[in-house]
Amino acid sequence: MESILYEERGEIVKNRLEEIRKAKGIKQEELASALEVSRQTIGSLENGRYNPSIMLAFKIARFFNMSIEDIFIYEDEN
């Protein structure tokens, strides 16, 4: 399941954070603690209500030992 984080002029950023987190058996609270953010931040990311800073995107990717592009998907519909 992908969440749409950003949409403007046919450009869309989606994420797979919830899918990846659940597949690894990690709770939102555990991920939030590891990333030093609130559980609400993780929930907002997963629901597409929050666009992460580049620093947070890197932290998430490093936590899961993945590239940013494996978690955050940019689509240009133009």
PDB file of N, CA and C in Angstrom:
ATOM      1  N   MET A   1       0.840  -1.177   0.000  1.00  0.00           N
ATOM      2  CA  MET A   1       0.000   0.000   0.000  1.00  0.00           C
ATOM      3  C   MET A   1       0.880   1.234   0.000  1.00  0.00           C
ATOM      4  N   GLU A   2       0.622   2.139  -0.919  1.00  0.00           N
ATOM      5  CA  GLU A   2       1.392   3.372  -1.007  1.00  0.00           C
ATOM      6  C   GLU A   2       0.547   4.540  -0.549  1.00  0.00           C
ATOM      7  N   SER A   3       1.174   5.483   0.131  1.00  0.00           N
ATOM      8  CA  SER A   3       0.510   6.714   0.541  1.00  0.00           C
ATOM      9  C   SER A   3       1.024   7.850  -0.322  1.00  0.00           C
ATOM     10  N   ILE A   4       0.132   8.688  -0.820  1.00  0.00           N
ATOM     11  CA  ILE A   4       0.541   9.862  -1.586  1.00  0.00           C
ATOM     12  C   ILE A   4       0.904  10.963  -0.601  1.00  0.00           C
ATOM     13  N   LEU A   5       2.139  11.459  -0.696  1.00  0.00           N
ATOM     14  CA  LEU A   5       2.621  12.502   0.197  1.00  0.00           C
ATOM     15  C   LEU A   5       2.492  13.886  -0.399  1.00  0.00           C
ATOM     16  N   TYR A   6       2.659  13.984  -1.694  1.00  0.00           N
ATOM     17  CA  TYR A   6       2.732  15.300  -2.312  1.00  0.00           C
ATOM     18  C   TYR A   6       2.217  15.191  -3.726  1.00  0.00           C
ATOM     19  N   GLU A   7       1.411  16.132  -4.119  1.00  0.00           N
ATOM     20  CA  GLU A   7       0.922  16.135  -5.493  1.00  0.00           C
ATOM     21  C   GLU A   7       0.797  17.573  -5.957  1.00  0.00           C
ATOM     22  N   GLU A   8       1.485  17.883  -7.046  1.00  0.00           N
ATOM     23  CA  GLU A   8       1.425  19.225  -7.611  1.00  0.00           C
ATOM     24  C   GLU A   8       1.811  19.149  -9.079  1.00  0.00           C
ATOM     25  N   ARG A   9       1.042  19.779  -9.942  1.00  0.00           N
ATOM     26  CA  ARG A   9       1.334  19.861 -11.373  1.00  0.00           C
ATOM     27  C   ARG A   9       1.675  18.515 -11.992  1.00  0.00           C
ATOM     28  N   GLY A  10       0.969  17.476 -11.589  1.00  0.00           N
ATOM     29  CA  GLY A  10       1.209  16.158 -12.150  1.00  0.00           C
ATOM     30  C   GLY A  10       2.387  15.431 -11.542  1.00  0.00           C
ATOM     31  N   GLU A  11       3.023  16.015 -10.537  1.00  0.00           N
ATOM     32  CA  GLU A  11       4.134  15.362  -9.853  1.00  0.00           C
ATOM     33  C   GLU A  11       3.602  14.774  -8.543  1.00  0.00           C
ATOM     34  N   ILE A  12       3.902  13.519  -8.299  1.00  0.00           N
ATOM     35  CA  ILE A  12       3.384  12.833  -7.120  1.00  0.00           C
ATOM     36  C   ILE A  12       4.545  12.145  -6.388  1.00  0.00           C
ATOM     37  N   VAL A  13       4.552  12.279  -5.067  1.00  0.00           N
ATOM     38  CA  VAL A  13       5.494  11.530  -4.236  1.00  0.00           C
ATOM     39  C   VAL A  13       4.666  10.600  -3.355  1.00  0.00           C
ATOM     40  N   LYS A  14       4.964   9.315  -3.437  1.00  0.00           N
ATOM     41  CA  LYS A  14       4.286   8.302  -2.628  1.00  0.00           C
ATOM     42  C   LYS A  14       5.312   7.686  -1.685  1.00  0.00           C
ATOM     43  N   ASN A  15       4.809   6.957  -0.679  1.00  0.00           N
ATOM     44  CA  ASN A  15       5.747   6.220   0.168  1.00  0.00           C
ATOM     45  C   ASN A  15       5.198   4.845   0.501  1.00  0.00           C
ATOM     46  N   ARG A  16       6.131   3.950   0.848  1.00  0.00           N
ATOM     47  CA  ARG A  16       5.815   2.573   1.210  1.00  0.00           C
ATOM     48  C   ARG A  16       6.145   2.320   2.673  1.00  0.00           C
ATOM     49  N   LEU A  17       6.206   3.368   3.476  1.00  0.00           N
ATOM     50  CA  LEU A  17       6.668   3.255   4.851  1.00  0.00           C
ATOM     51  C   LEU A  17       5.850   2.254   5.666  1.00  0.00           C
ATOM     52  N   GLU A  18       4.542   2.364   5.635  1.00  0.00           N
ATOM     53  CA  GLU A  18       3.706   1.461   6.430  1.00  0.00           C
ATOM     54  C   GLU A  18       3.920   0.007   6.021  1.00  0.00           C
ATOM     55  N   GLU A  19       3.933  -0.240   4.742  1.00  0.00           N
ATOM     56  CA  GLU A  19       4.143  -1.595   4.218  1.00  0.00           C
ATOM     57  C   GLU A  19       5.484  -2.169   4.693  1.00  0.00           C
ATOM     58  N   ILE A  20       6.533  -1.383   4.592  1.00  0.00           N
ATOM     59  CA  ILE A  20       7.874  -1.831   4.981  1.00  0.00           C
ATOM     60  C   ILE A  20       7.953  -2.040   6.490  1.00  0.00           C
ATOM     61  N   ARG A  21       7.426  -1.093   7.236  1.00  0.00           N
ATOM     62  CA  ARG A  21       7.465  -1.179   8.699  1.00  0.00           C
ATOM     63  C   ARG A  21       6.745  -2.439   9.192  1.00  0.00           C
ATOM     64  N   LYS A  22       5.554  -2.679   8.672  1.00  0.00           N
ATOM     65  CA  LYS A  22       4.776  -3.854   9.088  1.00  0.00           C
ATOM     66  C   LYS A  22       5.454  -5.155   8.673  1.00  0.00           C
ATOM     67  N   ALA A  23       6.059  -5.184   7.498  1.00  0.00           N
ATOM     68  CA  ALA A  23       6.750  -6.386   7.033  1.00  0.00           C
ATOM     69  C   ALA A  23       7.923  -6.742   7.944  1.00  0.00           C
ATOM     70  N   LYS A  24       8.516  -5.726   8.560  1.00  0.00           N
ATOM     71  CA  LYS A  24       9.648  -5.945   9.478  1.00  0.00           C
ATOM     72  C   LYS A  24       9.181  -6.177  10.915  1.00  0.00           C
ATOM     73  N   GLY A  25       7.862  -6.082  11.157  1.00  0.00           N
ATOM     74  CA  GLY A  25       7.321  -6.314  12.490  1.00  0.00           C
ATOM     75  C   GLY A  25       7.654  -5.213  13.485  1.00  0.00           C
ATOM     76  N   ILE A  26       7.748  -3.996  12.993  1.00  0.00           N
ATOM     77  CA  ILE A  26       8.109  -2.852  13.836  1.00  0.00           C
ATOM     78  C   ILE A  26       6.871  -2.011  14.093  1.00  0.00           C
ATOM     79  N   LYS A  27       6.659  -1.631  15.337  1.00  0.00           N
ATOM     80  CA  LYS A  27       5.535  -0.767  15.698  1.00  0.00           C
ATOM     81  C   LYS A  27       5.881   0.689  15.403  1.00  0.00           C
ATOM     82  N   GLN A  28       4.836   1.488  15.188  1.00  0.00           N
ATOM     83  CA  GLN A  28       5.046   2.915  14.949  1.00  0.00           C
ATOM     84  C   GLN A  28       5.858   3.549  16.074  1.00  0.00           C
ATOM     85  N   GLU A  29       5.572   3.170  17.307  1.00  0.00           N
ATOM     86  CA  GLU A  29       6.269   3.746  18.459  1.00  0.00           C
ATOM     87  C   GLU A  29       7.756   3.415  18.440  1.00  0.00           C
ATOM     88  N   GLU A  30       8.082   2.189  18.050  1.00  0.00           N
ATOM     89  CA  GLU A  30       9.482   1.768  17.984  1.00  0.00           C
ATOM     90  C   GLU A  30      10.240   2.542  16.908  1.00  0.00           C
ATOM     91  N   LEU A  31       9.613   2.691  15.747  1.00  0.00           N
ATOM     92  CA  LEU A  31      10.245   3.436  14.663  1.00  0.00           C
ATOM     93  C   LEU A  31      10.424   4.898  15.057  1.00  0.00           C
ATOM     94  N   ALA A  32       9.398   5.473  15.643  1.00  0.00           N
ATOM     95  CA  ALA A  32       9.470   6.870  16.075  1.00  0.00           C
ATOM     96  C   ALA A  32      10.614   7.077  17.056  1.00  0.00           C
ATOM     97  N   SER A  33      10.746   6.193  18.007  1.00  0.00           N
ATOM     98  CA  SER A  33      11.813   6.296  18.996  1.00  0.00           C
ATOM     99  C   SER A  33      13.188   6.211  18.333  1.00  0.00           C
ATOM    100  N   ALA A  34      13.348   5.268  17.424  1.00  0.00           N
ATOM    101  CA  ALA A  34      14.631   5.094  16.734  1.00  0.00           C
ATOM    102  C   ALA A  34      14.992   6.313  15.886  1.00  0.00           C
ATOM    103  N   LEU A  35      13.980   6.973  15.337  1.00  0.00           N
ATOM    104  CA  LEU A  35      14.214   8.129  14.461  1.00  0.00           C
ATOM    105  C   LEU A  35      14.162   9.460  15.214  1.00  0.00           C
ATOM    106  N   GLU A  36      13.839   9.384  16.507  1.00  0.00           N
ATOM    107  CA  GLU A  36      13.727  10.572  17.359  1.00  0.00           C
ATOM    108  C   GLU A  36      12.665  11.552  16.855  1.00  0.00           C
ATOM    109  N   VAL A  37      11.501  10.979  16.501  1.00  0.00           N
ATOM    110  CA  VAL A  37      10.332  11.767  16.123  1.00  0.00           C
ATOM    111  C   VAL A  37       9.148  11.222  16.921  1.00  0.00           C
ATOM    112  N   SER A  38       8.012  11.870  16.823  1.00  0.00           N
ATOM    113  CA  SER A  38       6.829  11.394  17.540  1.00  0.00           C
ATOM    114  C   SER A  38       6.139  10.267  16.762  1.00  0.00           C
ATOM    115  N   ARG A  39       5.354   9.474  17.465  1.00  0.00           N
ATOM    116  CA  ARG A  39       4.568   8.442  16.814  1.00  0.00           C
ATOM    117  C   ARG A  39       3.587   9.075  15.829  1.00  0.00           C
ATOM    118  N   GLN A  40       3.106  10.279  16.173  1.00  0.00           N
ATOM    119  CA  GLN A  40       2.186  10.986  15.286  1.00  0.00           C
ATOM    120  C   GLN A  40       2.851  11.329  13.951  1.00  0.00           C
ATOM    121  N   THR A  41       4.148  11.631  13.996  1.00  0.00           N
ATOM    122  CA  THR A  41       4.879  11.911  12.752  1.00  0.00           C
ATOM    123  C   THR A  41       4.888  10.676  11.859  1.00  0.00           C
ATOM    124  N   ILE A  42       5.138   9.524  12.444  1.00  0.00           N
ATOM    125  CA  ILE A  42       5.143   8.285  11.652  1.00  0.00           C
ATOM    126  C   ILE A  42       3.754   8.032  11.080  1.00  0.00           C
ATOM    127  N   GLY A  43       2.722   8.201  11.902  1.00  0.00           N
ATOM    128  CA  GLY A  43       1.350   8.022  11.427  1.00  0.00           C
ATOM    129  C   GLY A  43       1.014   8.974  10.294  1.00  0.00           C
ATOM    130  N   SER A  44       1.435  10.216  10.426  1.00  0.00           N
ATOM    131  CA  SER A  44       1.162  11.211   9.385  1.00  0.00           C
ATOM    132  C   SER A  44       1.902  10.892   8.093  1.00  0.00           C
ATOM    133  N   LEU A  45       3.126  10.410   8.202  1.00  0.00           N
ATOM    134  CA  LEU A  45       3.868   9.985   7.012  1.00  0.00           C
ATOM    135  C   LEU A  45       3.139   8.841   6.319  1.00  0.00           C
ATOM    136  N   GLU A  46       2.736   7.857   7.103  1.00  0.00           N
ATOM    137  CA  GLU A  46       2.081   6.678   6.528  1.00  0.00           C
ATOM    138  C   GLU A  46       0.732   7.012   5.909  1.00  0.00           C
ATOM    139  N   ASN A  47       0.060   8.010   6.426  1.00  0.00           N
ATOM    140  CA  ASN A  47      -1.254   8.395   5.889  1.00  0.00           C
ATOM    141  C   ASN A  47      -1.167   9.458   4.809  1.00  0.00           C
ATOM    142  N   GLY A  48       0.051   9.872   4.479  1.00  0.00           N
ATOM    143  CA  GLY A  48       0.227  10.851   3.413  1.00  0.00           C
ATOM    144  C   GLY A  48      -0.100  12.268   3.820  1.00  0.00           C
ATOM    145  N   ARG A  49      -0.139  12.545   5.125  1.00  0.00           N
ATOM    146  CA  ARG A  49      -0.458  13.904   5.586  1.00  0.00           C
ATOM    147  C   ARG A  49       0.791  14.730   5.874  1.00  0.00           C
ATOM    148  N   TYR A  50       1.967  14.114   5.769  1.00  0.00           N
ATOM    149  CA  TYR A  50       3.202  14.810   6.119  1.00  0.00           C
ATOM    150  C   TYR A  50       4.283  14.451   5.114  1.00  0.00           C
ATOM    151  N   ASN A  51       4.981  15.475   4.645  1.00  0.00           N
ATOM    152  CA  ASN A  51       6.079  15.308   3.714  1.00  0.00           C
ATOM    153  C   ASN A  51       7.374  15.429   4.509  1.00  0.00           C
ATOM    154  N   PRO A  52       8.207  14.396   4.593  1.00  0.00           N
ATOM    155  CA  PRO A  52       9.377  14.449   5.462  1.00  0.00           C
ATOM    156  C   PRO A  52      10.467  15.370   4.930  1.00  0.00           C
ATOM    157  N   SER A  53      11.275  15.880   5.835  1.00  0.00           N
ATOM    158  CA  SER A  53      12.468  16.612   5.424  1.00  0.00           C
ATOM    159  C   SER A  53      13.423  15.618   4.774  1.00  0.00           C
ATOM    160  N   ILE A  54      14.379  16.121   4.045  1.00  0.00           N
ATOM    161  CA  ILE A  54      15.361  15.234   3.422  1.00  0.00           C
ATOM    162  C   ILE A  54      16.151  14.488   4.487  1.00  0.00           C
ATOM    163  N   MET A  55      16.415  15.139   5.621  1.00  0.00           N
ATOM    164  CA  MET A  55      17.153  14.484   6.704  1.00  0.00           C
ATOM    165  C   MET A  55      16.352  13.314   7.275  1.00  0.00           C
ATOM    166  N   LEU A  56      15.049  13.503   7.486  1.00  0.00           N
ATOM    167  CA  LEU A  56      14.220  12.424   8.001  1.00  0.00           C
ATOM    168  C   LEU A  56      14.111  11.304   6.975  1.00  0.00           C
ATOM    169  N   ALA A  57      14.001  11.642   5.711  1.00  0.00           N
ATOM    170  CA  ALA A  57      13.947  10.610   4.663  1.00  0.00           C
ATOM    171  C   ALA A  57      15.219   9.765   4.677  1.00  0.00           C
ATOM    172  N   PHE A  58      16.380  10.409   4.855  1.00  0.00           N
ATOM    173  CA  PHE A  58      17.641   9.662   4.945  1.00  0.00           C
ATOM    174  C   PHE A  58      17.667   8.777   6.184  1.00  0.00           C
ATOM    175  N   LYS A  59      17.194   9.299   7.325  1.00  0.00           N
ATOM    176  CA  LYS A  59      17.170   8.509   8.557  1.00  0.00           C
ATOM    177  C   LYS A  59      16.296   7.264   8.391  1.00  0.00           C
ATOM    178  N   ILE A  60      15.140   7.448   7.756  1.00  0.00           N
ATOM    179  CA  ILE A  60      14.232   6.318   7.527  1.00  0.00           C
ATOM    180  C   ILE A  60      14.905   5.276   6.633  1.00  0.00           C
ATOM    181  N   ALA A  61      15.503   5.733   5.547  1.00  0.00           N
ATOM    182  CA  ALA A  61      16.173   4.817   4.624  1.00  0.00           C
ATOM    183  C   ALA A  61      17.309   4.067   5.318  1.00  0.00           C
ATOM    184  N   ARG A  62      18.091   4.764   6.102  1.00  0.00           N
ATOM    185  CA  ARG A  62      19.201   4.109   6.815  1.00  0.00           C
ATOM    186  C   ARG A  62      18.685   3.118   7.852  1.00  0.00           C
ATOM    187  N   PHE A  63      17.602   3.473   8.543  1.00  0.00           N
ATOM    188  CA  PHE A  63      17.036   2.563   9.542  1.00  0.00           C
ATOM    189  C   PHE A  63      16.680   1.224   8.913  1.00  0.00           C
ATOM    190  N   PHE A  64      16.080   1.268   7.736  1.00  0.00           N
ATOM    191  CA  PHE A  64      15.657   0.049   7.057  1.00  0.00           C
ATOM    192  C   PHE A  64      16.734  -0.522   6.125  1.00  0.00           C
ATOM    193  N   ASN A  65      17.897   0.132   6.084  1.00  0.00           N
ATOM    194  CA  ASN A  65      18.994  -0.296   5.214  1.00  0.00           C
ATOM    195  C   ASN A  65      18.527  -0.392   3.756  1.00  0.00           C
ATOM    196  N   MET A  66      17.843   0.668   3.326  1.00  0.00           N
ATOM    197  CA  MET A  66      17.305   0.755   1.974  1.00  0.00           C
ATOM    198  C   MET A  66      17.685   2.112   1.403  1.00  0.00           C
ATOM    199  N   SER A  67      17.477   2.271   0.115  1.00  0.00           N
ATOM    200  CA  SER A  67      17.669   3.592  -0.487  1.00  0.00           C
ATOM    201  C   SER A  67      16.391   4.408  -0.296  1.00  0.00           C
ATOM    202  N   ILE A  68      16.522   5.704  -0.359  1.00  0.00           N
ATOM    203  CA  ILE A  68      15.357   6.579  -0.253  1.00  0.00           C
ATOM    204  C   ILE A  68      14.338   6.212  -1.333  1.00  0.00           C
ATOM    205  N   GLU A  69      14.824   5.918  -2.528  1.00  0.00           N
ATOM    206  CA  GLU A  69      13.940   5.598  -3.649  1.00  0.00           C
ATOM    207  C   GLU A  69      13.156   4.307  -3.447  1.00  0.00           C
ATOM    208  N   ASP A  70      13.656   3.419  -2.575  1.00  0.00           N
ATOM    209  CA  ASP A  70      12.918   2.192  -2.268  1.00  0.00           C
ATOM    210  C   ASP A  70      11.711   2.473  -1.368  1.00  0.00           C
ATOM    211  N   ILE A  71      11.746   3.587  -0.662  1.00  0.00           N
ATOM    212  CA  ILE A  71      10.678   3.940   0.280  1.00  0.00           C
ATOM    213  C   ILE A  71       9.791   5.040  -0.260  1.00  0.00           C
ATOM    214  N   PHE A  72      10.417   6.046  -0.858  1.00  0.00           N
ATOM    215  CA  PHE A  72       9.699   7.198  -1.393  1.00  0.00           C
ATOM    216  C   PHE A  72       9.761   7.153  -2.910  1.00  0.00           C
ATOM    217  N   ILE A  73       8.589   7.183  -3.542  1.00  0.00           N
ATOM    218  CA  ILE A  73       8.485   7.016  -4.984  1.00  0.00           C
ATOM    219  C   ILE A  73       8.019   8.305  -5.638  1.00  0.00           C
ATOM    220  N   TYR A  74       8.821   8.830  -6.542  1.00  0.00           N
ATOM    221  CA  TYR A  74       8.465  10.043  -7.284  1.00  0.00           C
ATOM    222  C   TYR A  74       7.903   9.646  -8.629  1.00  0.00           C
ATOM    223  N   GLU A  75       6.751  10.213  -8.959  1.00  0.00           N
ATOM    224  CA  GLU A  75       6.116   9.946 -10.247  1.00  0.00           C
ATOM    225  C   GLU A  75       5.801  11.267 -10.916  1.00  0.00           C
ATOM    226  N   ASP A  76       6.213  11.401 -12.163  1.00  0.00           N
ATOM    227  CA  ASP A  76       5.889  12.581 -12.949  1.00  0.00           C
ATOM    228  C   ASP A  76       4.876  12.148 -13.999  1.00  0.00           C
ATOM    229  N   GLU A  77       3.642  12.590 -13.820  1.00  0.00           N
ATOM    230  CA  GLU A  77       2.567  12.153 -14.724  1.00  0.00           C
ATOM    231  C   GLU A  77       2.509  12.956 -16.020  1.00  0.00           C
ATOM    232  N   ASN A  78       3.391  13.926 -16.186  1.00  0.00           N
ATOM    233  CA  ASN A  78       3.381  14.745 -17.418  1.00  0.00           C
ATOM    234  C   ASN A  78       4.003  14.046 -18.572  1.00  0.00           C
TER     235      ASN A  78
END
